[in-house]
Amino acid sequence: EQQNRALSSHLDLTDQLLNLQRRRLEYLEQGFSAQVGALKA
């Protein structure tokens, strides 16, 4: 039971980390796109 709880907690934390990384990537992509747009302009 303890191992299952630890695994569940680990999977939740991993999901949170993935979501955080996806949002960070989206912000970076948006910043990059904005910089590309500014450079193009």
Full PDB file with SEQRES, HELIX, SHEET, SSBOND, CRYST1, ORIGX, SCALE, CONECT and MASTER records, all heavy atoms in Angstrom:
SEQRES   1 A   41  GLU GLN GLN ASN ARG ALA LEU SER SER HIS LEU ASP LEU          
SEQRES   2 A   41  THR ASP GLN LEU LEU ASN LEU GLN ARG ARG ARG LEU GLU          
SEQRES   3 A   41  TYR LEU GLU GLN GLY PHE SER ALA GLN VAL GLY ALA LEU          
SEQRES   4 A   41  LYS ALA                                                      
HELIX    1 AA1 GLN A    2  LYS A   40  1                                  39    
CRYST1    1.000    1.000    1.000  90.00  90.00  90.00 P 1           1          
ORIGX1      1.000000  0.000000  0.000000        0.00000                         
ORIGX2      0.000000  1.000000  0.000000        0.00000                         
ORIGX3      0.000000  0.000000  1.000000        0.00000                         
SCALE1      1.000000  0.000000  0.000000        0.00000                         
SCALE2      0.000000  1.000000  0.000000        0.00000                         
SCALE3      0.000000  0.000000  1.000000        0.00000                         
ATOM      1  N   GLU A   1       0.828  -1.203   0.000  1.00  0.00           N  
ATOM      2  CA  GLU A   1       0.000   0.000   0.000  1.00  0.00           C  
ATOM      3  C   GLU A   1       0.866   1.259   0.000  1.00  0.00           C  
ATOM      4  O   GLU A   1       0.618   2.209  -0.746  1.00  0.00           O  
ATOM      5  CB  GLU A   1      -0.928   0.019   1.226  1.00  0.00           C  
ATOM      6  CG  GLU A   1      -2.048  -0.996   1.156  1.00  0.00           C  
ATOM      7  CD  GLU A   1      -2.833  -1.082   2.462  1.00  0.00           C  
ATOM      8  OE1 GLU A   1      -2.580  -0.269   3.381  1.00  0.00           O  
ATOM      9  OE2 GLU A   1      -3.701  -1.971   2.555  1.00  0.00           O  
ATOM     10  N   GLN A   2       1.910   1.247   0.821  1.00  0.00           N  
ATOM     11  CA  GLN A   2       2.824   2.389   0.882  1.00  0.00           C  
ATOM     12  C   GLN A   2       3.519   2.579  -0.466  1.00  0.00           C  
ATOM     13  O   GLN A   2       3.653   3.701  -0.953  1.00  0.00           O  
ATOM     14  CB  GLN A   2       3.860   2.156   1.991  1.00  0.00           C  
ATOM     15  CG  GLN A   2       4.782   3.337   2.218  1.00  0.00           C  
ATOM     16  CD  GLN A   2       5.771   3.056   3.353  1.00  0.00           C  
ATOM     17  OE1 GLN A   2       5.765   1.983   3.936  1.00  0.00           O  
ATOM     18  NE2 GLN A   2       6.591   4.033   3.640  1.00  0.00           N  
ATOM     19  N   GLN A   3       3.912   1.482  -1.078  1.00  0.00           N  
ATOM     20  CA  GLN A   3       4.572   1.563  -2.389  1.00  0.00           C  
ATOM     21  C   GLN A   3       3.604   2.092  -3.434  1.00  0.00           C  
ATOM     22  O   GLN A   3       3.970   2.913  -4.274  1.00  0.00           O  
ATOM     23  CB  GLN A   3       5.115   0.171  -2.774  1.00  0.00           C  
ATOM     24  CG  GLN A   3       6.062   0.159  -3.952  1.00  0.00           C  
ATOM     25  CD  GLN A   3       5.382  -0.237  -5.255  1.00  0.00           C  
ATOM     26  OE1 GLN A   3       4.293  -0.766  -5.275  1.00  0.00           O  
ATOM     27  NE2 GLN A   3       6.061   0.070  -6.355  1.00  0.00           N  
ATOM     28  N   ASN A   4       2.356   1.642  -3.372  1.00  0.00           N  
ATOM     29  CA  ASN A   4       1.341   2.135  -4.327  1.00  0.00           C  
ATOM     30  C   ASN A   4       1.103   3.635  -4.116  1.00  0.00           C  
ATOM     31  O   ASN A   4       0.962   4.386  -5.097  1.00  0.00           O  
ATOM     32  CB  ASN A   4       0.037   1.348  -4.183  1.00  0.00           C  
ATOM     33  CG  ASN A   4       0.150  -0.049  -4.765  1.00  0.00           C  
ATOM     34  OD1 ASN A   4       0.994  -0.304  -5.615  1.00  0.00           O  
ATOM     35  ND2 ASN A   4      -0.699  -0.955  -4.297  1.00  0.00           N  
ATOM     36  N   ARG A   5       1.031   4.083  -2.863  1.00  0.00           N  
ATOM     37  CA  ARG A   5       0.853   5.511  -2.591  1.00  0.00           C  
ATOM     38  C   ARG A   5       2.053   6.316  -3.099  1.00  0.00           C  
ATOM     39  O   ARG A   5       1.908   7.377  -3.708  1.00  0.00           O  
ATOM     40  CB  ARG A   5       0.656   5.754  -1.092  1.00  0.00           C  
ATOM     41  CG  ARG A   5      -0.728   5.396  -0.590  1.00  0.00           C  
ATOM     42  CD  ARG A   5      -0.988   5.937   0.816  1.00  0.00           C  
ATOM     43  NE  ARG A   5      -0.019   5.483   1.801  1.00  0.00           N  
ATOM     44  CZ  ARG A   5      -0.134   4.380   2.539  1.00  0.00           C  
ATOM     45  NH1 ARG A   5      -1.206   3.613   2.398  1.00  0.00           N  
ATOM     46  NH2 ARG A   5       0.795   4.049   3.412  1.00  0.00           N  
ATOM     47  N   ALA A   6       3.270   5.765  -2.860  1.00  0.00           N  
ATOM     48  CA  ALA A   6       4.482   6.454  -3.316  1.00  0.00           C  
ATOM     49  C   ALA A   6       4.513   6.523  -4.839  1.00  0.00           C  
ATOM     50  O   ALA A   6       4.857   7.563  -5.423  1.00  0.00           O  
ATOM     51  CB  ALA A   6       5.722   5.743  -2.785  1.00  0.00           C  
ATOM     52  N   LEU A   7       4.110   5.432  -5.494  1.00  0.00           N  
ATOM     53  CA  LEU A   7       4.076   5.408  -6.959  1.00  0.00           C  
ATOM     54  C   LEU A   7       3.053   6.405  -7.478  1.00  0.00           C  
ATOM     55  O   LEU A   7       3.325   7.165  -8.424  1.00  0.00           O  
ATOM     56  CB  LEU A   7       3.761   3.997  -7.468  1.00  0.00           C  
ATOM     57  CG  LEU A   7       3.667   3.826  -8.987  1.00  0.00           C  
ATOM     58  CD1 LEU A   7       5.004   4.146  -9.646  1.00  0.00           C  
ATOM     59  CD2 LEU A   7       3.211   2.429  -9.341  1.00  0.00           C  
ATOM     60  N   SER A   8       1.885   6.411  -6.854  1.00  0.00           N  
ATOM     61  CA  SER A   8       0.839   7.343  -7.267  1.00  0.00           C  
ATOM     62  C   SER A   8       1.315   8.782  -7.085  1.00  0.00           C  
ATOM     63  O   SER A   8       1.145   9.628  -7.976  1.00  0.00           O  
ATOM     64  CB  SER A   8      -0.426   7.080  -6.449  1.00  0.00           C  
ATOM     65  OG  SER A   8      -1.418   8.024  -6.758  1.00  0.00           O  
ATOM     66  N   SER A   9       1.943   9.052  -5.942  1.00  0.00           N  
ATOM     67  CA  SER A   9       2.461  10.391  -5.677  1.00  0.00           C  
ATOM     68  C   SER A   9       3.532  10.752  -6.704  1.00  0.00           C  
ATOM     69  O   SER A   9       3.559  11.863  -7.239  1.00  0.00           O  
ATOM     70  CB  SER A   9       3.031  10.448  -4.262  1.00  0.00           C  
ATOM     71  OG  SER A   9       3.658  11.689  -4.028  1.00  0.00           O  
ATOM     72  N   HIS A  10       4.406   9.811  -7.003  1.00  0.00           N  
ATOM     73  CA  HIS A  10       5.474  10.033  -7.986  1.00  0.00           C  
ATOM     74  C   HIS A  10       4.879  10.324  -9.362  1.00  0.00           C  
ATOM     75  O   HIS A  10       5.330  11.246 -10.062  1.00  0.00           O  
ATOM     76  CB  HIS A  10       6.408   8.817  -8.039  1.00  0.00           C  
ATOM     77  CG  HIS A  10       7.439   8.884  -9.103  1.00  0.00           C  
ATOM     78  ND1 HIS A  10       8.512   9.740  -9.046  1.00  0.00           N  
ATOM     79  CD2 HIS A  10       7.559   8.212 -10.282  1.00  0.00           C  
ATOM     80  CE1 HIS A  10       9.252   9.600 -10.126  1.00  0.00           C  
ATOM     81  NE2 HIS A  10       8.692   8.667 -10.900  1.00  0.00           N  
ATOM     82  N   LEU A  11       3.856   9.530  -9.731  1.00  0.00           N  
ATOM     83  CA  LEU A  11       3.230   9.749 -11.044  1.00  0.00           C  
ATOM     84  C   LEU A  11       2.538  11.120 -11.086  1.00  0.00           C  
ATOM     85  O   LEU A  11       2.611  11.823 -12.109  1.00  0.00           O  
ATOM     86  CB  LEU A  11       2.239   8.633 -11.359  1.00  0.00           C  
ATOM     87  CG  LEU A  11       2.873   7.255 -11.629  1.00  0.00           C  
ATOM     88  CD1 LEU A  11       1.778   6.214 -11.830  1.00  0.00           C  
ATOM     89  CD2 LEU A  11       3.796   7.301 -12.844  1.00  0.00           C  
ATOM     90  N   ASP A  12       1.881  11.512  -9.992  1.00  0.00           N  
ATOM     91  CA  ASP A  12       1.242  12.838  -9.933  1.00  0.00           C  
ATOM     92  C   ASP A  12       2.294  13.942 -10.083  1.00  0.00           C  
ATOM     93  O   ASP A  12       2.114  14.906 -10.840  1.00  0.00           O  
ATOM     94  CB  ASP A  12       0.476  13.024  -8.624  1.00  0.00           C  
ATOM     95  CG  ASP A  12      -0.811  12.197  -8.573  1.00  0.00           C  
ATOM     96  OD1 ASP A  12      -1.263  11.766  -9.660  1.00  0.00           O  
ATOM     97  OD2 ASP A  12      -1.323  11.985  -7.454  1.00  0.00           O  
ATOM     98  N   LEU A  13       3.388  13.795  -9.344  1.00  0.00           N  
ATOM     99  CA  LEU A  13       4.444  14.802  -9.421  1.00  0.00           C  
ATOM    100  C   LEU A  13       5.061  14.853 -10.822  1.00  0.00           C  
ATOM    101  O   LEU A  13       5.362  15.931 -11.347  1.00  0.00           O  
ATOM    102  CB  LEU A  13       5.524  14.535  -8.377  1.00  0.00           C  
ATOM    103  CG  LEU A  13       5.111  14.791  -6.926  1.00  0.00           C  
ATOM    104  CD1 LEU A  13       6.226  14.337  -5.964  1.00  0.00           C  
ATOM    105  CD2 LEU A  13       4.782  16.252  -6.704  1.00  0.00           C  
ATOM    106  N   THR A  14       5.217  13.660 -11.442  1.00  0.00           N  
ATOM    107  CA  THR A  14       5.763  13.607 -12.798  1.00  0.00           C  
ATOM    108  C   THR A  14       4.813  14.298 -13.771  1.00  0.00           C  
ATOM    109  O   THR A  14       5.242  15.065 -14.648  1.00  0.00           O  
ATOM    110  CB  THR A  14       6.003  12.146 -13.227  1.00  0.00           C  
ATOM    111  OG1 THR A  14       6.847  11.500 -12.272  1.00  0.00           O  
ATOM    112  CG2 THR A  14       6.663  12.074 -14.594  1.00  0.00           C  
ATOM    113  N   ASP A  15       3.489  14.052 -13.613  1.00  0.00           N  
ATOM    114  CA  ASP A  15       2.496  14.722 -14.465  1.00  0.00           C  
ATOM    115  C   ASP A  15       2.560  16.240 -14.273  1.00  0.00           C  
ATOM    116  O   ASP A  15       2.520  17.007 -15.253  1.00  0.00           O  
ATOM    117  CB  ASP A  15       1.083  14.212 -14.160  1.00  0.00           C  
ATOM    118  CG  ASP A  15       0.823  12.816 -14.705  1.00  0.00           C  
ATOM    119  OD1 ASP A  15       1.597  12.377 -15.591  1.00  0.00           O  
ATOM    120  OD2 ASP A  15      -0.136  12.150 -14.231  1.00  0.00           O  
ATOM    121  N   GLN A  16       2.666  16.669 -13.022  1.00  0.00           N  
ATOM    122  CA  GLN A  16       2.763  18.113 -12.751  1.00  0.00           C  
ATOM    123  C   GLN A  16       4.014  18.696 -13.404  1.00  0.00           C  
ATOM    124  O   GLN A  16       3.980  19.786 -14.004  1.00  0.00           O  
ATOM    125  CB  GLN A  16       2.777  18.377 -11.249  1.00  0.00           C  
ATOM    126  CG  GLN A  16       1.459  18.128 -10.550  1.00  0.00           C  
ATOM    127  CD  GLN A  16       1.572  18.295  -9.018  1.00  0.00           C  
ATOM    128  OE1 GLN A  16       2.603  18.752  -8.522  1.00  0.00           O  
ATOM    129  NE2 GLN A  16       0.508  17.937  -8.328  1.00  0.00           N  
ATOM    130  N   LEU A  17       5.124  17.970 -13.300  1.00  0.00           N  
ATOM    131  CA  LEU A  17       6.374  18.435 -13.892  1.00  0.00           C  
ATOM    132  C   LEU A  17       6.241  18.525 -15.412  1.00  0.00           C  
ATOM    133  O   LEU A  17       6.693  19.496 -16.032  1.00  0.00           O  
ATOM    134  CB  LEU A  17       7.531  17.526 -13.482  1.00  0.00           C  
ATOM    135  CG  LEU A  17       8.916  17.910 -13.974  1.00  0.00           C  
ATOM    136  CD1 LEU A  17       9.316  19.268 -13.412  1.00  0.00           C  
ATOM    137  CD2 LEU A  17       9.943  16.858 -13.606  1.00  0.00           C  
ATOM    138  N   LEU A  18       5.595  17.506 -16.008  1.00  0.00           N  
ATOM    139  CA  LEU A  18       5.394  17.525 -17.472  1.00  0.00           C  
ATOM    140  C   LEU A  18       4.518  18.723 -17.868  1.00  0.00           C  
ATOM    141  O   LEU A  18       4.811  19.416 -18.870  1.00  0.00           O  
ATOM    142  CB  LEU A  18       4.761  16.223 -17.947  1.00  0.00           C  
ATOM    143  CG  LEU A  18       5.705  15.027 -18.095  1.00  0.00           C  
ATOM    144  CD1 LEU A  18       4.911  13.758 -18.427  1.00  0.00           C  
ATOM    145  CD2 LEU A  18       6.736  15.277 -19.200  1.00  0.00           C  
ATOM    146  N   ASN A  19       3.459  18.938 -17.130  1.00  0.00           N  
ATOM    147  CA  ASN A  19       2.585  20.083 -17.432  1.00  0.00           C  
ATOM    148  C   ASN A  19       3.347  21.398 -17.297  1.00  0.00           C  
ATOM    149  O   ASN A  19       3.215  22.298 -18.137  1.00  0.00           O  
ATOM    150  CB  ASN A  19       1.356  20.095 -16.519  1.00  0.00           C  
ATOM    151  CG  ASN A  19       0.360  19.013 -16.886  1.00  0.00           C  
ATOM    152  OD1 ASN A  19       0.309  18.595 -18.051  1.00  0.00           O  
ATOM    153  ND2 ASN A  19      -0.419  18.560 -15.917  1.00  0.00           N  
ATOM    154  N   LEU A  20       4.148  21.491 -16.246  1.00  0.00           N  
ATOM    155  CA  LEU A  20       4.948  22.684 -16.036  1.00  0.00           C  
ATOM    156  C   LEU A  20       5.919  22.894 -17.200  1.00  0.00           C  
ATOM    157  O   LEU A  20       6.048  24.009 -17.724  1.00  0.00           O  
ATOM    158  CB  LEU A  20       5.695  22.577 -14.704  1.00  0.00           C  
ATOM    159  CG  LEU A  20       6.535  23.769 -14.278  1.00  0.00           C  
ATOM    160  CD1 LEU A  20       5.629  24.989 -14.024  1.00  0.00           C  
ATOM    161  CD2 LEU A  20       7.341  23.443 -13.053  1.00  0.00           C  
ATOM    162  N   GLN A  21       6.551  21.778 -17.607  1.00  0.00           N  
ATOM    163  CA  GLN A  21       7.506  21.880 -18.712  1.00  0.00           C  
ATOM    164  C   GLN A  21       6.793  22.238 -20.028  1.00  0.00           C  
ATOM    165  O   GLN A  21       7.318  23.004 -20.846  1.00  0.00           O  
ATOM    166  CB  GLN A  21       8.309  20.583 -18.873  1.00  0.00           C  
ATOM    167  CG  GLN A  21       9.291  20.309 -17.751  1.00  0.00           C  
ATOM    168  CD  GLN A  21      10.383  21.373 -17.697  1.00  0.00           C  
ATOM    169  OE1 GLN A  21      10.786  21.984 -18.696  1.00  0.00           O  
ATOM    170  NE2 GLN A  21      10.860  21.649 -16.480  1.00  0.00           N  
ATOM    171  N   ARG A  22       5.597  21.710 -20.235  1.00  0.00           N  
ATOM    172  CA  ARG A  22       4.837  22.034 -21.458  1.00  0.00           C  
ATOM    173  C   ARG A  22       4.475  23.518 -21.478  1.00  0.00           C  
ATOM    174  O   ARG A  22       4.597  24.180 -22.526  1.00  0.00           O  
ATOM    175  CB  ARG A  22       3.572  21.177 -21.535  1.00  0.00           C  
ATOM    176  CG  ARG A  22       3.849  19.778 -21.996  1.00  0.00           C  
ATOM    177  CD  ARG A  22       2.540  19.013 -22.283  1.00  0.00           C  
ATOM    178  NE  ARG A  22       2.863  17.612 -22.474  1.00  0.00           N  
ATOM    179  CZ  ARG A  22       2.365  16.606 -21.796  1.00  0.00           C  
ATOM    180  NH1 ARG A  22       1.467  16.809 -20.846  1.00  0.00           N  
ATOM    181  NH2 ARG A  22       2.739  15.370 -22.051  1.00  0.00           N  
ATOM    182  N   ARG A  23       4.003  24.011 -20.319  1.00  0.00           N  
ATOM    183  CA  ARG A  23       3.666  25.446 -20.262  1.00  0.00           C  
ATOM    184  C   ARG A  23       4.909  26.302 -20.484  1.00  0.00           C  
ATOM    185  O   ARG A  23       4.863  27.307 -21.219  1.00  0.00           O  
ATOM    186  CB  ARG A  23       3.029  25.787 -18.919  1.00  0.00           C  
ATOM    187  CG  ARG A  23       1.547  25.406 -18.908  1.00  0.00           C  
ATOM    188  CD  ARG A  23       0.842  25.871 -17.648  1.00  0.00           C  
ATOM    189  NE  ARG A  23       0.913  24.767 -16.691  1.00  0.00           N  
ATOM    190  CZ  ARG A  23       1.107  24.886 -15.403  1.00  0.00           C  
ATOM    191  NH1 ARG A  23       1.233  26.070 -14.851  1.00  0.00           N  
ATOM    192  NH2 ARG A  23       1.183  23.838 -14.626  1.00  0.00           N  
ATOM    193  N   ARG A  24       6.003  25.899 -19.883  1.00  0.00           N  
ATOM    194  CA  ARG A  24       7.253  26.647 -20.065  1.00  0.00           C  
ATOM    195  C   ARG A  24       7.651  26.636 -21.534  1.00  0.00           C  
ATOM    196  O   ARG A  24       8.069  27.672 -22.104  1.00  0.00           O  
ATOM    197  CB  ARG A  24       8.349  26.018 -19.206  1.00  0.00           C  
ATOM    198  CG  ARG A  24       9.621  26.781 -19.216  1.00  0.00           C  
ATOM    199  CD  ARG A  24      10.587  26.170 -18.169  1.00  0.00           C  
ATOM    200  NE  ARG A  24      11.875  26.699 -18.408  1.00  0.00           N  
ATOM    201  CZ  ARG A  24      12.964  26.032 -18.748  1.00  0.00           C  
ATOM    202  NH1 ARG A  24      12.903  24.727 -18.857  1.00  0.00           N  
ATOM    203  NH2 ARG A  24      14.098  26.636 -18.940  1.00  0.00           N  
ATOM    204  N   LEU A  25       7.502  25.445 -22.160  1.00  0.00           N  
ATOM    205  CA  LEU A  25       7.828  25.340 -23.590  1.00  0.00           C  
ATOM    206  C   LEU A  25       6.927  26.237 -24.421  1.00  0.00           C  
ATOM    207  O   LEU A  25       7.389  26.903 -25.374  1.00  0.00           O  
ATOM    208  CB  LEU A  25       7.720  23.872 -24.034  1.00  0.00           C  
ATOM    209  CG  LEU A  25       8.182  23.550 -25.452  1.00  0.00           C  
ATOM    210  CD1 LEU A  25       9.652  23.925 -25.652  1.00  0.00           C  
ATOM    211  CD2 LEU A  25       7.966  22.095 -25.761  1.00  0.00           C  
ATOM    212  N   GLU A  26       5.640  26.237 -24.055  1.00  0.00           N  
ATOM    213  CA  GLU A  26       4.705  27.107 -24.798  1.00  0.00           C  
ATOM    214  C   GLU A  26       5.114  28.578 -24.640  1.00  0.00           C  
ATOM    215  O   GLU A  26       5.116  29.338 -25.620  1.00  0.00           O  
ATOM    216  CB  GLU A  26       3.280  26.920 -24.280  1.00  0.00           C  
ATOM    217  CG  GLU A  26       2.617  25.639 -24.718  1.00  0.00           C  
ATOM    218  CD  GLU A  26       1.249  25.441 -24.073  1.00  0.00           C  
ATOM    219  OE1 GLU A  26       0.685  26.390 -23.460  1.00  0.00           O  
ATOM    220  OE2 GLU A  26       0.734  24.310 -24.165  1.00  0.00           O  
ATOM    221  N   TYR A  27       5.464  28.991 -23.399  1.00  0.00           N  
ATOM    222  CA  TYR A  27       5.891  30.378 -23.193  1.00  0.00           C  
ATOM    223  C   TYR A  27       7.159  30.673 -23.994  1.00  0.00           C  
ATOM    224  O   TYR A  27       7.301  31.742 -24.609  1.00  0.00           O  
ATOM    225  CB  TYR A  27       6.134  30.696 -21.716  1.00  0.00           C  
ATOM    226  CG  TYR A  27       4.872  30.704 -20.873  1.00  0.00           C  
ATOM    227  CD1 TYR A  27       4.805  30.039 -19.663  1.00  0.00           C  
ATOM    228  CD2 TYR A  27       3.756  31.426 -21.298  1.00  0.00           C  
ATOM    229  CE1 TYR A  27       3.642  30.049 -18.904  1.00  0.00           C  
ATOM    230  CE2 TYR A  27       2.597  31.457 -20.531  1.00  0.00           C  
ATOM    231  CZ  TYR A  27       2.538  30.775 -19.340  1.00  0.00           C  
ATOM    232  OH  TYR A  27       1.400  30.798 -18.572  1.00  0.00           O  
ATOM    233  N   LEU A  28       8.087  29.709 -23.999  1.00  0.00           N  
ATOM    234  CA  LEU A  28       9.316  29.914 -24.763  1.00  0.00           C  
ATOM    235  C   LEU A  28       9.021  29.992 -26.262  1.00  0.00           C  
ATOM    236  O   LEU A  28       9.599  30.827 -26.984  1.00  0.00           O  
ATOM    237  CB  LEU A  28      10.321  28.793 -24.480  1.00  0.00           C  
ATOM    238  CG  LEU A  28      10.975  28.816 -23.098  1.00  0.00           C  
ATOM    239  CD1 LEU A  28      11.835  27.567 -22.871  1.00  0.00           C  
ATOM    240  CD2 LEU A  28      11.837  30.059 -22.936  1.00  0.00           C  
ATOM    241  N   GLU A  29       8.096  29.099 -26.707  1.00  0.00           N  
ATOM    242  CA  GLU A  29       7.734  29.134 -28.136  1.00  0.00           C  
ATOM    243  C   GLU A  29       7.060  30.474 -28.480  1.00  0.00           C  
ATOM    244  O   GLU A  29       7.327  31.061 -29.537  1.00  0.00           O  
ATOM    245  CB  GLU A  29       6.795  27.971 -28.483  1.00  0.00           C  
ATOM    246  CG  GLU A  29       7.502  26.653 -28.647  1.00  0.00           C  
ATOM    247  CD  GLU A  29       6.540  25.497 -28.946  1.00  0.00           C  
ATOM    248  OE1 GLU A  29       5.292  25.675 -28.926  1.00  0.00           O  
ATOM    249  OE2 GLU A  29       7.038  24.384 -29.190  1.00  0.00           O  
ATOM    250  N   GLN A  30       6.185  30.925 -27.590  1.00  0.00           N  
ATOM    251  CA  GLN A  30       5.528  32.222 -27.832  1.00  0.00           C  
ATOM    252  C   GLN A  30       6.567  33.345 -27.849  1.00  0.00           C  
ATOM    253  O   GLN A  30       6.522  34.238 -28.730  1.00  0.00           O  
ATOM    254  CB  GLN A  30       4.474  32.502 -26.746  1.00  0.00           C  
ATOM    255  CG  GLN A  30       3.238  31.669 -26.866  1.00  0.00           C  
ATOM    256  CD  GLN A  30       2.278  31.889 -25.693  1.00  0.00           C  
ATOM    257  OE1 GLN A  30       2.550  32.695 -24.783  1.00  0.00           O  
ATOM    258  NE2 GLN A  30       1.146  31.188 -25.730  1.00  0.00           N  
ATOM    259  N   GLY A  31       7.515  33.302 -26.905  1.00  0.00           N  
ATOM    260  CA  GLY A  31       8.563  34.330 -26.886  1.00  0.00           C  
ATOM    261  C   GLY A  31       9.411  34.261 -28.144  1.00  0.00           C  
ATOM    262  O   GLY A  31       9.758  35.295 -28.738  1.00  0.00           O  
ATOM    263  N   PHE A  32       9.716  33.035 -28.577  1.00  0.00           N  
ATOM    264  CA  PHE A  32      10.509  32.838 -29.792  1.00  0.00           C  
ATOM    265  C   PHE A  32       9.749  33.356 -31.005  1.00  0.00           C  
ATOM    266  O   PHE A  32      10.309  34.045 -31.865  1.00  0.00           O  
ATOM    267  CB  PHE A  32      10.868  31.352 -29.926  1.00  0.00           C  
ATOM    268  CG  PHE A  32      11.653  31.035 -31.149  1.00  0.00           C  
ATOM    269  CD1 PHE A  32      12.999  31.416 -31.249  1.00  0.00           C  
ATOM    270  CD2 PHE A  32      11.081  30.398 -32.236  1.00  0.00           C  
ATOM    271  CE1 PHE A  32      13.723  31.124 -32.389  1.00  0.00           C  
ATOM    272  CE2 PHE A  32      11.807  30.119 -33.373  1.00  0.00           C  
ATOM    273  CZ  PHE A  32      13.132  30.469 -33.448  1.00  0.00           C  
ATOM    274  N   SER A  33       8.453  32.969 -31.068  1.00  0.00           N  
ATOM    275  CA  SER A  33       7.630  33.433 -32.198  1.00  0.00           C  
ATOM    276  C   SER A  33       7.562  34.959 -32.199  1.00  0.00           C  
ATOM    277  O   SER A  33       7.624  35.602 -33.274  1.00  0.00           O  
ATOM    278  CB  SER A  33       6.219  32.862 -32.118  1.00  0.00           C  
ATOM    279  OG  SER A  33       6.241  31.479 -32.276  1.00  0.00           O  
ATOM    280  N   ALA A  34       7.444  35.560 -31.010  1.00  0.00           N  
ATOM    281  CA  ALA A  34       7.376  37.011 -30.919  1.00  0.00           C  
ATOM    282  C   ALA A  34       8.704  37.607 -31.386  1.00  0.00           C  
ATOM    283  O   ALA A  34       8.718  38.610 -32.131  1.00  0.00           O  
ATOM    284  CB  ALA A  34       7.065  37.442 -29.492  1.00  0.00           C  
ATOM    285  N   GLN A  35       9.810  36.989 -30.996  1.00  0.00           N  
ATOM    286  CA  GLN A  35      11.104  37.507 -31.423  1.00  0.00           C  
ATOM    287  C   GLN A  35      11.287  37.332 -32.931  1.00  0.00           C  
ATOM    288  O   GLN A  35      11.795  38.232 -33.619  1.00  0.00           O  
ATOM    289  CB  GLN A  35      12.247  36.782 -30.679  1.00  0.00           C  
ATOM    290  CG  GLN A  35      12.430  37.245 -29.260  1.00  0.00           C  
ATOM    291  CD  GLN A  35      13.588  36.513 -28.579  1.00  0.00           C  
ATOM    292  OE1 GLN A  35      14.168  35.585 -29.133  1.00  0.00           O  
ATOM    293  NE2 GLN A  35      13.922  36.980 -27.387  1.00  0.00           N  
ATOM    294  N   VAL A  36      10.847  36.167 -33.443  1.00  0.00           N  
ATOM    295  CA  VAL A  36      10.939  35.943 -34.897  1.00  0.00           C  
ATOM    296  C   VAL A  36      10.083  36.984 -35.612  1.00  0.00           C  
ATOM    297  O   VAL A  36      10.492  37.568 -36.631  1.00  0.00           O  
ATOM    298  CB  VAL A  36      10.524  34.497 -35.266  1.00  0.00           C  
ATOM    299  CG1 VAL A  36      10.321  34.345 -36.764  1.00  0.00           C  
ATOM    300  CG2 VAL A  36      11.552  33.507 -34.759  1.00  0.00           C  
ATOM    301  N   GLY A  37       8.880  37.217 -35.099  1.00  0.00           N  
ATOM    302  CA  GLY A  37       7.977  38.223 -35.712  1.00  0.00           C  
ATOM    303  C   GLY A  37       8.624  39.602 -35.665  1.00  0.00           C  
ATOM    304  O   GLY A  37       8.557  40.363 -36.642  1.00  0.00           O  
ATOM    305  N   ALA A  38       9.260  39.948 -34.536  1.00  0.00           N  
ATOM    306  CA  ALA A  38       9.887  41.255 -34.395  1.00  0.00           C  
ATOM    307  C   ALA A  38      11.077  41.356 -35.344  1.00  0.00           C  
ATOM    308  O   ALA A  38      11.279  42.399 -35.996  1.00  0.00           O  
ATOM    309  CB  ALA A  38      10.329  41.470 -32.952  1.00  0.00           C  
ATOM    310  N   LEU A  39      11.841  40.267 -35.440  1.00  0.00           N  
ATOM    311  CA  LEU A  39      12.980  40.273 -36.353  1.00  0.00           C  
ATOM    312  C   LEU A  39      12.517  40.376 -37.806  1.00  0.00           C  
ATOM    313  O   LEU A  39      13.143  41.064 -38.633  1.00  0.00           O  
ATOM    314  CB  LEU A  39      13.842  39.025 -36.158  1.00  0.00           C  
ATOM    315  CG  LEU A  39      14.722  39.016 -34.914  1.00  0.00           C  
ATOM    316  CD1 LEU A  39      15.411  37.661 -34.745  1.00  0.00           C  
ATOM    317  CD2 LEU A  39      15.775  40.112 -34.974  1.00  0.00           C  
ATOM    318  N   LYS A  40      11.426  39.655 -38.111  1.00  0.00           N  
ATOM    319  CA  LYS A  40      10.895  39.746 -39.485  1.00  0.00           C  
ATOM    320  C   LYS A  40      10.451  41.185 -39.771  1.00  0.00           C  
ATOM    321  O   LYS A  40      10.699  41.703 -40.859  1.00  0.00           O  
ATOM    322  CB  LYS A  40       9.717  38.770 -39.663  1.00  0.00           C  
ATOM    323  CG  LYS A  40      10.111  37.381 -39.970  1.00  0.00           C  
ATOM    324  CD  LYS A  40       8.858  36.558 -40.253  1.00  0.00           C  
ATOM    325  CE  LYS A  40       9.208  35.127 -40.519  1.00  0.00           C  
ATOM    326  NZ  LYS A  40       8.043  34.317 -40.754  1.00  0.00           N  
ATOM    327  N   ALA A  41       9.776  41.795 -38.837  1.00  0.00           N  
ATOM    328  CA  ALA A  41       9.260  43.153 -39.018  1.00  0.00           C  
ATOM    329  C   ALA A  41      10.456  44.104 -39.154  1.00  0.00           C  
ATOM    330  O   ALA A  41      10.431  45.002 -40.016  1.00  0.00           O  
ATOM    331  CB  ALA A  41       8.401  43.559 -37.826  1.00  0.00           C  
TER     332      ALA A  41                                                      
MASTER        0    0    0    1    0    0    0    6  331    1    0    4          
END                                                                             
